[in-house]
Protein backbone atom coordinates (compact mmCIF):
# COMPACT_ATOMS: atom_id res chain seq x y z
CA UNK A 1 -73.62 42.52 29.07
CA UNK A 2 -72.56 45.22 31.79
CA UNK A 3 -74.23 47.95 32.29
CA UNK A 4 -71.82 50.64 32.45
CA UNK A 5 -71.95 52.88 35.57
CA UNK A 6 -74.09 56.37 34.55
CA UNK A 7 -73.31 58.81 37.24
CA UNK A 8 -76.19 61.56 36.42
CA UNK A 9 -76.18 65.23 38.41
CA UNK A 10 -76.77 68.94 38.00
CA UNK A 11 -74.06 70.91 35.69
CA UNK A 12 -71.61 67.09 35.13
CA UNK A 13 -68.91 67.44 32.69
CA UNK A 14 -68.58 64.31 29.94
CA UNK A 15 -66.23 63.31 27.31
CA UNK A 16 -69.07 61.00 25.41
CA UNK A 17 -68.19 58.26 22.56
CA UNK A 18 -69.91 56.38 20.41
CA UNK A 19 -68.74 54.17 18.54
CA UNK A 20 -70.12 52.59 14.43
CA UNK A 21 -71.33 49.14 14.79
CA UNK A 22 -68.59 46.75 13.73
CA UNK A 23 -66.22 49.36 13.36
CA UNK A 24 -67.69 50.54 9.90
CA UNK A 25 -68.74 53.88 9.30
CA UNK A 26 -71.11 56.15 10.69
CA UNK A 27 -70.45 58.92 8.37
CA UNK A 28 -70.41 58.88 4.77
CA UNK A 29 -71.25 62.52 2.92
CA UNK A 30 -70.56 65.84 4.51
CA UNK A 31 -74.81 65.91 4.28
CA UNK A 32 -74.27 63.23 7.31
CA UNK A 33 -72.20 65.05 9.33
CA UNK A 34 -74.08 68.09 9.11
CA UNK A 35 -76.92 66.23 9.89
CA UNK A 36 -75.31 64.94 13.22
CA UNK A 37 -73.98 68.74 14.25
CA UNK A 38 -77.93 69.58 13.50
CA UNK A 39 -78.92 67.58 16.34
CA UNK A 40 -75.96 68.09 18.58
CA UNK A 41 -77.67 71.63 17.60
CA UNK A 42 -81.23 70.45 19.32
CA UNK A 43 -79.95 68.84 22.18
CA UNK A 44 -78.66 72.25 23.16
CA UNK A 45 -81.99 74.01 22.75
CA UNK A 46 -84.33 70.79 23.86
CA UNK A 47 -82.67 70.11 26.27
CA UNK A 48 -80.09 72.22 27.15
CA UNK A 49 -76.97 70.37 26.61
CA UNK A 50 -73.82 72.39 26.72
CA UNK A 51 -71.30 71.24 24.18
CA UNK A 52 -68.20 72.35 24.25
CA UNK A 53 -65.88 70.56 21.87
CA UNK A 54 -66.71 67.75 18.92
CA UNK A 55 -65.29 66.15 16.63
CA UNK A 56 -66.90 63.71 14.16
CA UNK A 57 -64.40 60.80 12.54
CA UNK A 58 -65.68 58.54 9.87
CA UNK A 59 -66.17 55.05 12.37
CA UNK A 60 -66.90 56.77 15.67
CA UNK A 61 -67.39 61.24 17.09
CA UNK A 62 -66.26 62.72 20.31
CA UNK A 63 -68.20 65.10 22.87
CA UNK A 64 -66.89 67.19 25.65
CA UNK A 65 -70.45 67.88 27.15
CA UNK A 66 -72.46 69.31 29.59
CA UNK A 67 -75.21 68.54 31.05
CA UNK A 68 -76.70 71.07 33.34
CA UNK A 69 -79.84 69.60 34.14
CA UNK A 70 -78.33 66.04 34.96
CA UNK A 71 -79.83 64.41 32.17
CA UNK A 72 -77.60 63.17 29.71
CA UNK A 73 -78.99 60.04 29.04
CA UNK A 74 -82.07 61.44 27.77
CA UNK A 75 -79.81 63.84 25.73
CA UNK A 76 -77.78 60.35 24.21
CA UNK A 77 -80.71 58.99 22.88
CA UNK A 78 -81.98 62.31 20.78
CA UNK A 79 -78.19 62.35 19.39
CA UNK A 80 -77.94 58.68 18.45
CA UNK A 81 -81.36 58.12 18.27
CA UNK A 82 -82.46 60.63 15.87
CA UNK A 83 -79.07 60.42 13.78
CA UNK A 84 -79.79 56.90 13.70
CA UNK A 85 -83.17 57.38 12.38
CA UNK A 86 -81.81 59.52 9.63
CA UNK A 87 -79.00 57.23 8.52
CA UNK A 88 -81.31 54.36 8.12
CA UNK A 89 -84.17 56.07 6.55
CA UNK A 90 -81.46 57.89 4.07
CA UNK A 91 -80.01 54.07 3.48
CA UNK A 92 -83.12 52.43 3.50
CA UNK A 93 -82.13 49.96 5.82
CA UNK A 94 -82.41 49.09 9.58
CA UNK A 95 -81.03 47.56 12.96
CA UNK A 96 -78.23 49.13 14.86
CA UNK A 97 -75.95 51.76 13.59
CA UNK A 98 -73.81 52.79 16.49
CA UNK A 99 -71.71 50.25 18.41
CA UNK A 100 -73.56 49.27 22.05
CA UNK A 101 -74.03 51.85 24.32
CA UNK A 102 -72.16 54.95 24.01
CA UNK A 103 -69.06 55.96 26.33
CA UNK A 104 -69.59 58.77 29.09
CA UNK A 105 -66.36 59.67 31.23
CA UNK A 106 -67.37 62.12 34.16
CA UNK A 107 -65.17 64.77 33.95
CA UNK A 108 -63.42 66.98 36.78
CA UNK A 109 -63.74 69.49 34.29
CA UNK A 110 -61.31 72.61 35.79
CA UNK A 111 -58.41 69.57 35.84
CA UNK A 112 -59.07 68.10 32.66
CA UNK A 113 -61.55 70.01 30.03
CA UNK A 114 -58.34 72.02 28.38
CA UNK A 115 -56.28 68.78 27.59
CA UNK A 116 -59.20 66.14 26.80
CA UNK A 117 -60.23 69.95 24.62
CA UNK A 118 -56.33 69.46 22.54
CA UNK A 119 -56.78 65.58 22.62
CA UNK A 120 -60.20 65.83 20.39
CA UNK A 121 -59.38 68.64 18.36
CA UNK A 122 -55.77 66.47 17.51
CA UNK A 123 -58.01 63.51 16.60
CA UNK A 124 -58.21 64.08 12.77
CA UNK A 125 -53.79 65.17 12.86
CA UNK A 126 -53.44 61.94 14.83
CA UNK A 127 -55.21 59.24 12.25
CA UNK A 128 -53.29 61.03 9.43
CA UNK A 129 -57.28 62.58 7.80
CA UNK A 130 -55.22 65.85 7.95
CA UNK A 131 -52.03 67.34 8.22
CA UNK A 132 -52.90 70.29 10.87
CA UNK A 133 -55.39 70.06 13.10
CA UNK A 134 -57.51 73.62 10.93
CA UNK A 135 -57.64 72.05 7.94
CA UNK A 136 -60.48 68.93 9.10
CA UNK A 137 -63.45 70.80 8.98
CA UNK A 138 -65.36 68.38 11.14
CA UNK A 139 -64.61 69.46 14.70
CA UNK A 140 -65.08 72.73 16.57
CA UNK A 141 -61.65 73.61 16.40
CA UNK A 142 -62.13 76.03 12.96
CA UNK A 143 -64.62 78.05 15.87
CA UNK A 144 -62.31 77.93 18.78
CA UNK A 145 -59.72 80.09 16.49
CA UNK A 146 -62.08 81.79 14.28
CA UNK A 147 -61.43 80.28 10.89
CA UNK A 148 -65.13 80.08 10.52
CA UNK A 149 -67.82 81.80 12.86
CA UNK A 150 -68.70 80.45 15.96
CA UNK A 151 -72.02 78.82 15.70
CA UNK A 152 -74.66 80.20 18.81
CA UNK A 153 -75.04 76.49 20.69
CA UNK A 154 -71.27 75.75 20.33
CA UNK A 155 -70.12 76.61 24.33
CA UNK A 156 -65.94 77.91 23.63
CA UNK A 157 -65.74 80.36 26.28
CA UNK A 158 -65.06 78.09 28.93
CA UNK A 159 -61.75 76.31 27.42
CA UNK A 160 -60.83 79.62 26.17
CA UNK A 161 -61.36 81.70 28.71
CA UNK A 162 -58.71 79.54 30.64
CA UNK A 163 -56.12 81.58 28.62
CA UNK A 164 -57.94 84.76 28.69
CA UNK A 165 -60.47 87.31 29.21
CA UNK A 166 -59.85 89.26 26.11
CA UNK A 167 -61.12 86.44 23.22
CA UNK A 168 -58.12 87.65 20.37
CA UNK A 169 -56.09 86.84 23.14
CA UNK A 170 -57.43 83.88 23.87
CA UNK A 171 -57.89 82.85 20.99
CA UNK A 172 -54.82 83.00 19.90
CA UNK A 173 -52.90 81.18 23.20
CA UNK A 174 -55.64 78.93 22.48
CA UNK A 175 -54.05 77.52 19.22
CA UNK A 176 -50.54 77.97 19.93
CA UNK A 177 -51.15 75.37 23.02
CA UNK A 178 -53.00 73.20 20.64
CA UNK A 179 -51.05 73.07 17.56
CA UNK A 180 -47.74 72.62 19.96
CA UNK A 181 -48.74 69.15 19.82
CA UNK A 182 -49.32 68.30 16.35
CA UNK A 183 -46.37 65.31 15.21
CA UNK A 184 -45.84 65.04 18.90
CA UNK A 185 -46.71 61.83 20.39
CA UNK A 186 -49.32 62.92 22.88
CA UNK A 187 -50.51 60.91 26.55
CA UNK A 188 -53.72 59.91 26.51
CA UNK A 189 -55.89 61.77 29.57
CA UNK A 190 -58.02 58.39 29.48
CA UNK A 191 -54.99 56.49 31.46
CA UNK A 192 -55.66 57.62 33.84
CA UNK A 193 -59.58 56.84 34.47
CA UNK A 194 -61.20 55.29 37.43
CA UNK A 195 -63.29 52.65 37.12
CA UNK A 196 -63.86 52.91 33.89
CA UNK A 197 -66.26 56.41 34.43
CA UNK A 198 -64.53 59.17 36.25
CA UNK A 199 -61.63 61.31 34.98
CA UNK A 200 -60.53 63.42 38.04
CA UNK A 201 -58.38 63.62 40.84
CA UNK A 202 -59.17 61.62 44.34
CA UNK A 203 -60.80 64.21 46.08
CA UNK A 204 -63.33 64.50 42.77
CA UNK A 205 -63.86 60.85 43.46
CA UNK A 206 -64.36 60.76 46.77
CA UNK A 207 -66.58 63.76 46.38
CA UNK A 208 -68.68 61.72 43.69
CA UNK A 209 -68.49 58.59 45.10
CA UNK A 210 -70.28 60.42 48.46
CA UNK A 211 -73.13 62.57 47.10
CA UNK A 212 -73.90 60.72 43.91
CA UNK A 213 -73.40 56.82 44.54
CA UNK A 214 -75.08 55.68 47.55
CA UNK A 215 -78.60 54.98 45.92
CA UNK A 216 -76.93 52.77 43.84
CA UNK A 217 -77.01 49.35 43.76
CA UNK A 218 -73.66 47.28 43.89
CA UNK A 219 -74.02 44.31 41.50
CA UNK A 220 -72.93 41.90 38.97
CA UNK A 221 -74.79 44.66 36.27
CA UNK A 222 -72.83 47.32 37.02
CA UNK A 223 -69.36 46.16 37.90
CA UNK A 224 -67.41 49.59 37.51
CA UNK A 225 -69.43 50.09 41.28
CA UNK A 226 -67.61 47.94 43.01
CA UNK A 227 -64.11 49.85 42.39
CA UNK A 228 -65.53 53.00 44.75
CA UNK A 229 -66.06 51.32 47.78
CA UNK A 230 -63.09 50.13 49.65
CA UNK A 231 -63.13 46.22 50.61
CA UNK A 232 -62.26 45.05 53.74
CA UNK A 233 -59.75 41.81 52.81
CA UNK A 234 -60.43 38.03 54.49
CA UNK A 235 -57.56 38.10 57.22
CA UNK A 236 -59.33 41.86 58.60
CA UNK A 237 -62.34 39.83 58.41
CA UNK A 238 -61.74 36.97 60.56
CA UNK A 239 -59.99 38.46 62.99
CA UNK A 240 -63.14 41.04 63.45
CA UNK A 241 -65.72 38.10 63.72
CA UNK A 242 -63.19 36.70 66.68
CA UNK A 243 -63.65 38.92 68.86
CA UNK A 244 -67.89 38.57 68.33
CA UNK A 245 -67.84 34.75 68.11
CA UNK A 246 -65.70 33.22 70.51
CA UNK A 247 -67.92 30.53 72.56
CA UNK A 248 -68.61 27.97 68.98
CA UNK A 249 -65.72 27.55 66.41
CA UNK A 250 -67.73 25.87 64.35
CA UNK A 251 -70.56 28.97 63.65
CA UNK A 252 -66.93 31.49 64.49
CA UNK A 253 -65.81 29.72 61.03
CA UNK A 254 -69.58 29.68 59.06
CA UNK A 255 -69.66 33.68 59.64
CA UNK A 256 -66.37 33.93 58.88
CA UNK A 257 -67.25 32.22 56.13
CA UNK A 258 -70.62 34.76 55.44
CA UNK A 259 -69.11 37.76 55.62
CA UNK A 260 -66.42 37.34 53.56
CA UNK A 261 -69.03 36.22 50.85
CA UNK A 262 -71.23 39.01 51.79
CA UNK A 263 -68.94 41.83 51.83
CA UNK A 264 -64.31 41.11 51.13
CA UNK A 265 -65.98 41.33 47.04
CA UNK A 266 -63.60 37.63 46.73
CA UNK A 267 -64.10 34.84 44.51
CA UNK A 268 -65.25 31.99 46.45
CA UNK A 269 -62.74 30.46 45.07
CA UNK A 270 -60.29 32.75 46.93
CA UNK A 271 -62.43 32.97 49.84
CA UNK A 272 -62.40 28.99 49.44
CA UNK A 273 -58.68 28.49 49.20
CA UNK A 274 -58.16 30.73 52.44
CA UNK A 275 -60.68 28.31 54.77
CA UNK A 276 -59.91 24.69 53.09
CA UNK A 277 -62.49 24.31 51.42
CA UNK A 278 -64.22 24.32 47.82
CA UNK A 279 -66.43 26.90 46.46
CA UNK A 280 -70.00 25.07 47.39
CA UNK A 281 -68.84 25.01 51.04
CA UNK A 282 -68.79 28.65 51.17
CA UNK A 283 -72.01 29.41 49.33
CA UNK A 284 -73.36 26.49 51.41
CA UNK A 285 -71.94 27.74 54.83
CA UNK A 286 -73.14 31.25 53.70
CA UNK A 287 -76.51 30.32 52.93
CA UNK A 288 -76.79 28.70 56.68
CA UNK A 289 -76.02 31.96 58.37
CA UNK A 290 -78.10 34.15 56.25
CA UNK A 291 -80.58 31.44 57.66
CA UNK A 292 -79.50 31.66 61.59
CA UNK A 293 -79.67 35.48 60.88
CA UNK A 294 -83.49 35.38 60.93
CA UNK A 295 -84.34 33.16 63.81
CA UNK A 296 -81.73 33.90 65.83
CA UNK A 297 -81.68 37.62 67.32
CA UNK A 298 -79.01 37.48 69.02
CA UNK A 299 -76.97 36.31 65.94
CA UNK A 300 -77.95 39.12 64.22
CA UNK A 301 -76.96 41.64 66.88
CA UNK A 302 -73.51 40.49 66.28
CA UNK A 303 -73.33 40.32 62.71
CA UNK A 304 -74.54 44.19 63.12
CA UNK A 305 -71.57 44.64 65.68
CA UNK A 306 -69.33 43.09 63.45
CA UNK A 307 -70.53 45.44 60.82
CA UNK A 308 -69.70 48.20 62.88
CA UNK A 309 -66.27 46.81 63.66
CA UNK A 310 -65.55 47.01 59.83
CA UNK A 311 -67.43 49.64 58.84
CA UNK A 312 -69.49 48.37 56.52
CA UNK A 313 -72.05 49.87 54.68
CA UNK A 314 -74.32 48.03 51.75
CA UNK A 315 -74.29 50.05 49.10
């Protein structure tokens, strides 16, 4: 199974969700939900997690979480691991409770946190579990609008502060903002996710890519990473190679195949169709050039110049 791309840094915001294995219930009683909330609290105490929004459904949960210490993986191991242990001991069972890895979307908070908070708080209404968001006990919404006293570990100031610096007015405006969409079809903010990983503007995506993805390796286990990097198309590659290698048509074709195989991001089938050969022919030509580069320094320098023409950098 391909691993999800994890981008962790100090101060990052995430929407995190995890679902029960085989979509089965992970909360079967109020005590279960209370225990899970206890682990949210302990995550803020032990690992400096900042919980902005939460919603516990029957077979999954949602969190809007911030990581001042850049340690999302550590936080989620604590929350999911501790709760799974509690659940299994209580019900004398063993094995996985949650379905695979948790899903974490990196959020551009200034642009999306408010909309996400509403989407999360309206989850029980969309699922038919409550007619109103304040009627469902197991979200942070009642704390936001002051129906229940806000626990110290829940941080609502960021979201509410987007409405007003005065707490009573902020709560009033936030309630109006959320409940204006009750009974309405609300568009999922997750339709705009980039590479299954980031919800944000193009500037935000570019900033994250340049700051935090330079040292990550692009391989078949991290397919989402490839989407962050512009790949040269086959025609552009062949033209660049022609400008460096024109004395030997056989070598020219092999190097074109090699560069396409290494850097175009295209499937062997598509590369082969462009050159009129089979998939195995692409692989063989690429291997020959790779071996030849090790022995032929002049060819190696030409390959480097081709790289420069293409403005490539291997991740």
